Amino acid sequence: MSEAIAPALLAPGRTAGMNWRRLVPLLLVAPLVLFMLALYALPVLAMLSRSLLEPAPTLAHYAELAGDEVFHRIFTNTLWTTLVVTAGTLVLGYPVAMGLARARTLLPLLLIIVLLPFWTSVLVRSYAWMVLLGRHGLVNEALLAMGMLDRPLRILNTPLAVHIAMVHILLPYMILPIANALRQIDPSLARAAAGLGAGPWAVFRQVTLPLSMPGVMAGILLVFVLSLGFYITPALVGGPRDMTLSMLIAQRVEQLDWAYAATLSAVLLATALVIIAIFQRAFGVGTAFRMSAR
């Protein structure tokens, strides 16, 4: 009888211990959740409320955007710049990622080279590109010294300068997810394909590239969303015709047009969310991030 009663007496304590262990993950996450609510969610909601409630509850600000040709041109330019930068980082980043995945003794050195931009602020790197691409910058001076030019080229304050600088700054965000996905591919698969008569290009096209697509999709989404809201680099190395949506928002804030700036910010946020949703729907980007993070 006493043996049957003992487990019943211990059950409440055991249940309390199990419930406490279940609460531990929530307690660990709670500070981050409170931090994000206080410093991100509430400001975003305040921004959205400005676009809808100032000077009175209205959708006039959004209706104004529909007929604003300046907004249409700047929004199109922003999307085009984002597409070019994403394509550029992919073309340049994939071979570097393959080098990282296959490197052994040189892996620490290559990682330092890839991560080196993270050790310098975006502002400093943008100023460095101004020095390099200026009319009397290092690039023009070198080309003139080699006799390849008769007069300096106008590179700074052009779309080309914006694309070059943004590709350089965002390149690590493309390289690292792809390199991580490539390192997870079993080398025996490539050897088996080669043993069956496939050439190097066929092995890459039929084995390596499909298996690395989770990392490619994760890198594309990271670069696309980050470049969509880029401000410092286009503002410094771009020209008046290279204005992006984030620059237009800053301009409206300087003019104290808070409601219109909030409307533009809401459009930018909605664009980023739509892109993420499209990637999730088409490519299962959540799975891609989980696979590339293993």
Protein backbone atom coordinates (compact mmCIF):
# COMPACT_ATOMS: atom_id res chain seq x y z
CA MET A 1 0.00 0.00 0.00
CA SER A 2 2.77 2.43 0.95
CA GLU A 3 4.58 1.60 -2.30
CA ALA A 4 1.50 2.65 -4.28
CA ILE A 5 1.07 5.90 -2.32
CA ALA A 6 4.70 7.05 -2.74
CA PRO A 7 4.53 7.82 -6.49
CA ALA A 8 1.30 9.74 -5.96
CA LEU A 9 2.94 11.88 -3.27
CA LEU A 10 5.92 12.59 -5.53
CA ALA A 11 3.80 13.34 -8.60
CA PRO A 12 2.98 17.01 -7.74
CA GLY A 13 6.65 17.85 -7.18
CA ARG A 14 7.68 16.08 -10.37
CA THR A 15 4.95 17.91 -12.32
CA ALA A 16 6.09 21.26 -10.92
CA GLY A 17 9.67 20.50 -11.95
CA MET A 18 8.59 19.59 -15.49
CA ASN A 19 6.52 22.78 -15.77
CA TRP A 20 9.50 24.84 -14.58
CA ARG A 21 11.76 23.25 -17.19
CA ARG A 22 9.21 24.12 -19.87
CA LEU A 23 9.21 27.75 -18.73
CA VAL A 24 13.00 28.11 -18.87
CA PRO A 25 13.17 28.64 -22.68
CA LEU A 26 10.40 31.26 -22.48
CA LEU A 27 12.21 33.09 -19.67
CA LEU A 28 15.44 33.07 -21.66
CA VAL A 29 13.72 34.51 -24.73
CA ALA A 30 11.65 37.06 -22.78
CA PRO A 31 14.35 39.80 -22.56
CA LEU A 32 14.85 39.72 -26.34
CA VAL A 33 11.09 39.79 -26.95
CA LEU A 34 10.67 42.79 -24.64
CA PHE A 35 13.63 44.51 -26.27
CA MET A 36 12.19 44.01 -29.77
CA LEU A 37 8.73 45.13 -28.69
CA ALA A 38 10.01 48.31 -27.03
CA LEU A 39 12.63 49.34 -29.60
CA TYR A 40 11.24 47.94 -32.85
CA ALA A 41 7.56 46.99 -32.80
CA LEU A 42 6.31 50.11 -31.00
CA PRO A 43 8.29 52.54 -33.23
CA VAL A 44 7.01 50.75 -36.34
CA LEU A 45 3.45 51.00 -35.10
CA ALA A 46 3.98 54.69 -34.30
CA MET A 47 5.29 55.21 -37.83
CA LEU A 48 2.30 53.46 -39.36
CA SER A 49 -0.07 55.49 -37.22
CA ARG A 50 1.49 58.74 -38.50
CA SER A 51 0.83 57.69 -42.08
CA LEU A 52 -2.83 56.98 -41.28
CA LEU A 53 -3.76 59.49 -38.58
CA GLU A 54 -1.98 62.76 -39.44
CA PRO A 55 -3.42 65.32 -39.66
CA ALA A 56 -6.63 63.27 -39.37
CA PRO A 57 -7.61 59.64 -40.02
CA THR A 58 -7.13 59.35 -43.76
CA LEU A 59 -5.64 57.34 -46.61
CA ALA A 60 -4.84 60.47 -48.57
CA HIS A 61 -1.09 60.03 -48.18
CA TYR A 62 -1.21 56.61 -49.85
CA ALA A 63 -3.52 57.94 -52.56
CA GLU A 64 -1.02 60.73 -53.19
CA LEU A 65 1.73 58.19 -53.81
CA ALA A 66 -0.32 56.57 -56.58
CA GLY A 67 -0.11 59.73 -58.70
CA ASP A 68 3.36 60.86 -57.65
CA GLU A 69 5.70 60.46 -60.65
CA VAL A 70 8.77 61.27 -58.53
CA PHE A 71 7.90 58.42 -56.18
CA HIS A 72 7.37 56.03 -59.10
CA ARG A 73 10.75 56.90 -60.61
CA ILE A 74 12.59 56.61 -57.29
CA PHE A 75 10.83 53.35 -56.39
CA THR A 76 11.71 51.87 -59.79
CA ASN A 77 15.32 53.02 -59.41
CA THR A 78 15.45 51.43 -55.95
CA LEU A 79 14.22 48.08 -57.24
CA TRP A 80 16.60 48.19 -60.23
CA THR A 81 19.58 48.99 -58.00
CA THR A 82 18.59 46.17 -55.66
CA LEU A 83 18.34 43.68 -58.54
CA VAL A 84 21.71 44.70 -60.02
CA VAL A 85 23.45 44.52 -56.64
CA THR A 86 21.92 41.13 -55.84
CA ALA A 87 22.97 39.74 -59.23
CA GLY A 88 26.46 41.19 -58.85
CA THR A 89 26.99 39.69 -55.40
CA LEU A 90 25.74 36.31 -56.65
CA VAL A 91 28.06 36.26 -59.69
CA LEU A 92 31.08 37.32 -57.64
CA GLY A 93 30.18 35.51 -54.44
CA TYR A 94 29.49 31.98 -55.70
CA PRO A 95 33.08 31.29 -56.91
CA VAL A 96 34.46 32.70 -53.65
CA ALA A 97 32.06 30.49 -51.69
CA MET A 98 33.28 27.46 -53.64
CA GLY A 99 36.84 28.42 -52.78
CA LEU A 100 35.92 28.66 -49.09
CA ALA A 101 34.13 25.32 -49.19
CA ARG A 102 37.09 23.54 -50.79
CA ALA A 103 39.87 25.30 -48.87
CA ARG A 104 41.68 23.48 -46.11
CA THR A 105 44.92 25.10 -45.00
CA LEU A 106 43.99 28.54 -46.38
CA LEU A 107 40.49 28.55 -44.87
CA PRO A 108 41.32 30.86 -41.91
CA LEU A 109 43.03 33.37 -44.21
CA LEU A 110 40.15 33.32 -46.71
CA LEU A 111 37.60 33.80 -43.91
CA ILE A 112 39.53 36.82 -42.64
CA ILE A 113 39.53 38.33 -46.14
CA VAL A 114 35.77 37.73 -46.55
CA LEU A 115 34.91 39.05 -43.08
CA LEU A 116 37.31 42.00 -43.21
CA PRO A 117 34.59 44.45 -44.41
CA PHE A 118 32.59 43.75 -41.24
CA TRP A 119 35.43 45.24 -39.18
CA THR A 120 34.93 48.67 -40.78
CA SER A 121 31.77 50.75 -40.70
CA VAL A 122 29.67 51.24 -43.82
CA LEU A 123 30.33 54.97 -43.64
CA VAL A 124 34.11 54.53 -43.74
CA ARG A 125 33.89 52.04 -46.61
CA SER A 126 31.65 54.39 -48.58
CA TYR A 127 34.14 57.24 -48.10
CA ALA A 128 36.90 54.89 -49.26
CA TRP A 129 35.01 54.28 -52.50
CA MET A 130 34.68 58.05 -52.94
CA VAL A 131 38.47 58.30 -52.75
CA LEU A 132 38.93 55.43 -55.19
CA LEU A 133 36.33 56.47 -57.78
CA GLY A 134 36.70 60.24 -57.69
CA ARG A 135 37.75 62.28 -60.71
CA HIS A 136 41.26 62.43 -59.28
CA GLY A 137 40.94 59.20 -57.34
CA LEU A 138 43.21 56.19 -57.41
CA VAL A 139 41.36 54.43 -60.24
CA ASN A 140 41.52 57.37 -62.63
CA GLU A 141 45.10 58.23 -61.68
CA ALA A 142 46.20 54.64 -62.29
CA LEU A 143 44.48 54.50 -65.69
CA LEU A 144 46.00 57.83 -66.69
CA ALA A 145 49.47 56.72 -65.57
CA MET A 146 49.20 53.57 -67.69
CA GLY A 147 48.17 55.63 -70.71
CA MET A 148 44.75 53.99 -70.99
CA LEU A 149 42.91 57.30 -70.67
CA ASP A 150 43.41 60.80 -72.04
CA ARG A 151 41.27 62.42 -69.35
CA PRO A 152 39.66 61.21 -66.12
CA LEU A 153 36.43 59.26 -66.29
CA ARG A 154 33.33 60.34 -64.39
CA ILE A 155 32.71 57.33 -62.18
CA LEU A 156 31.73 58.87 -58.86
CA ASN A 157 28.12 60.06 -58.50
CA THR A 158 26.89 57.60 -61.12
CA PRO A 159 24.81 54.42 -60.90
CA LEU A 160 27.97 52.41 -61.62
CA ALA A 161 29.64 53.79 -58.49
CA VAL A 162 26.57 52.93 -56.40
CA HIS A 163 26.49 49.37 -57.75
CA ILE A 164 30.22 48.79 -57.21
CA ALA A 165 30.20 50.10 -53.64
CA MET A 166 27.04 48.25 -52.61
CA VAL A 167 28.24 44.97 -54.12
CA HIS A 168 31.48 45.27 -52.15
CA ILE A 169 29.67 46.02 -48.88
CA LEU A 170 27.01 43.29 -49.24
CA LEU A 171 29.21 40.56 -50.74
CA PRO A 172 29.82 38.70 -47.43
CA TYR A 173 26.08 38.27 -46.94
CA MET A 174 26.01 36.28 -50.17
CA ILE A 175 29.25 34.36 -49.71
CA LEU A 176 28.71 32.94 -46.23
CA PRO A 177 25.31 31.19 -46.73
CA ILE A 178 26.45 29.68 -50.03
CA ALA A 179 29.77 28.52 -48.58
CA ASN A 180 27.97 26.90 -45.65
CA ALA A 181 25.60 25.08 -48.01
CA LEU A 182 28.50 23.91 -50.20
CA ARG A 183 30.42 22.55 -47.20
CA GLN A 184 27.44 20.33 -46.34
CA ILE A 185 27.49 18.56 -49.71
CA ASP A 186 28.95 15.06 -49.46
CA PRO A 187 32.13 14.98 -51.61
CA SER A 188 31.39 11.39 -52.55
CA LEU A 189 28.43 12.57 -54.65
CA ALA A 190 30.69 14.52 -56.98
CA ARG A 191 33.15 11.62 -57.16
CA ALA A 192 30.31 9.22 -57.97
CA ALA A 193 29.04 11.50 -60.75
CA ALA A 194 32.57 11.81 -62.17
CA GLY A 195 32.97 8.04 -61.98
CA LEU A 196 29.81 7.65 -64.06
CA GLY A 197 31.34 9.76 -66.82
CA ALA A 198 30.15 13.27 -65.95
CA GLY A 199 32.58 16.08 -66.72
CA PRO A 200 33.37 18.93 -64.30
CA TRP A 201 30.68 21.19 -65.76
CA ALA A 202 28.08 18.40 -65.67
CA VAL A 203 28.99 17.62 -62.04
CA PHE A 204 28.55 21.27 -61.11
CA ARG A 205 25.28 21.65 -63.02
CA GLN A 206 23.64 18.41 -61.90
CA VAL A 207 25.07 17.90 -58.40
CA THR A 208 26.75 20.91 -56.83
CA LEU A 209 24.43 23.70 -57.96
CA PRO A 210 21.10 22.00 -57.07
CA LEU A 211 22.37 20.98 -53.64
CA SER A 212 23.68 24.48 -52.94
CA MET A 213 20.40 26.21 -53.82
CA PRO A 214 19.26 26.60 -50.17
CA GLY A 215 22.35 28.72 -49.51
CA VAL A 216 21.88 30.62 -52.77
CA MET A 217 18.27 31.47 -51.94
CA ALA A 218 19.20 32.54 -48.41
CA GLY A 219 21.98 34.77 -49.74
CA ILE A 220 19.77 36.32 -52.42
CA LEU A 221 17.07 37.15 -49.89
CA LEU A 222 19.55 38.64 -47.41
CA VAL A 223 21.23 40.86 -50.01
CA PHE A 224 17.95 41.88 -51.66
CA VAL A 225 16.26 42.96 -48.45
CA LEU A 226 19.36 44.72 -47.09
CA SER A 227 20.04 46.62 -50.31
CA LEU A 228 16.37 47.62 -50.55
CA GLY A 229 16.77 49.95 -47.58
CA PHE A 230 20.38 51.05 -48.13
CA TYR A 231 20.95 54.75 -47.46
CA ILE A 232 24.54 55.78 -46.66
CA THR A 233 26.30 54.37 -49.71
CA PRO A 234 23.87 55.66 -52.40
CA ALA A 235 23.79 59.04 -50.66
CA LEU A 236 27.59 59.38 -50.72
CA VAL A 237 28.67 57.81 -54.01
CA GLY A 238 25.49 58.31 -56.03
CA GLY A 239 24.21 61.36 -57.86
CA PRO A 240 20.93 63.31 -57.76
CA ARG A 241 19.42 60.92 -60.31
CA ASP A 242 20.40 57.87 -58.26
CA MET A 243 18.08 58.64 -55.34
CA THR A 244 16.64 55.61 -53.56
CA LEU A 245 13.51 55.31 -51.47
CA SER A 246 15.47 55.50 -48.21
CA MET A 247 17.07 58.76 -49.39
CA LEU A 248 13.63 60.17 -50.21
CA ILE A 249 12.44 59.23 -46.72
CA ALA A 250 15.42 61.03 -45.16
CA GLN A 251 14.71 64.08 -47.33
CA ARG A 252 11.08 64.21 -46.16
CA VAL A 253 12.19 63.87 -42.52
CA GLU A 254 14.56 66.82 -42.96
CA GLN A 255 11.59 68.81 -44.28
CA LEU A 256 9.60 67.73 -41.19
CA ASP A 257 6.98 66.09 -43.42
CA TRP A 258 6.53 63.24 -40.94
CA ALA A 259 3.28 61.86 -42.35
CA TYR A 260 4.61 61.49 -45.90
CA ALA A 261 7.91 60.06 -44.61
CA ALA A 262 5.96 57.53 -42.56
CA THR A 263 3.92 56.62 -45.65
CA LEU A 264 7.09 56.01 -47.67
CA SER A 265 8.53 53.95 -44.80
CA ALA A 266 5.38 51.85 -44.70
CA VAL A 267 5.68 51.22 -48.45
CA LEU A 268 9.34 50.20 -48.04
CA LEU A 269 8.48 47.86 -45.17
CA ALA A 270 5.56 46.36 -47.10
CA THR A 271 7.80 45.79 -50.14
CA ALA A 272 10.34 43.92 -48.02
CA LEU A 273 7.61 41.78 -46.43
CA VAL A 274 6.08 40.97 -49.83
CA ILE A 275 9.47 39.89 -51.17
CA ILE A 276 10.04 37.66 -48.14
CA ALA A 277 6.57 36.15 -48.58
CA ILE A 278 7.22 35.48 -52.28
CA PHE A 279 10.49 33.74 -51.48
CA GLN A 280 8.82 31.70 -48.77
CA ARG A 281 6.02 30.71 -51.13
CA ALA A 282 8.19 29.94 -54.15
CA PHE A 283 11.38 28.57 -52.64
CA GLY A 284 10.61 27.73 -49.02
CA VAL A 285 13.15 30.25 -47.81
CA GLY A 286 12.60 29.28 -44.18
CA THR A 287 13.86 25.80 -45.00
CA ALA A 288 16.72 27.36 -46.94
CA PHE A 289 17.83 29.37 -43.92
CA ARG A 290 17.62 26.35 -41.63
CA MET A 291 19.63 24.20 -44.02
CA SER A 292 22.27 26.87 -44.67
CA ALA A 293 22.65 27.48 -40.91
CA ARG A 294 23.46 23.87 -40.03
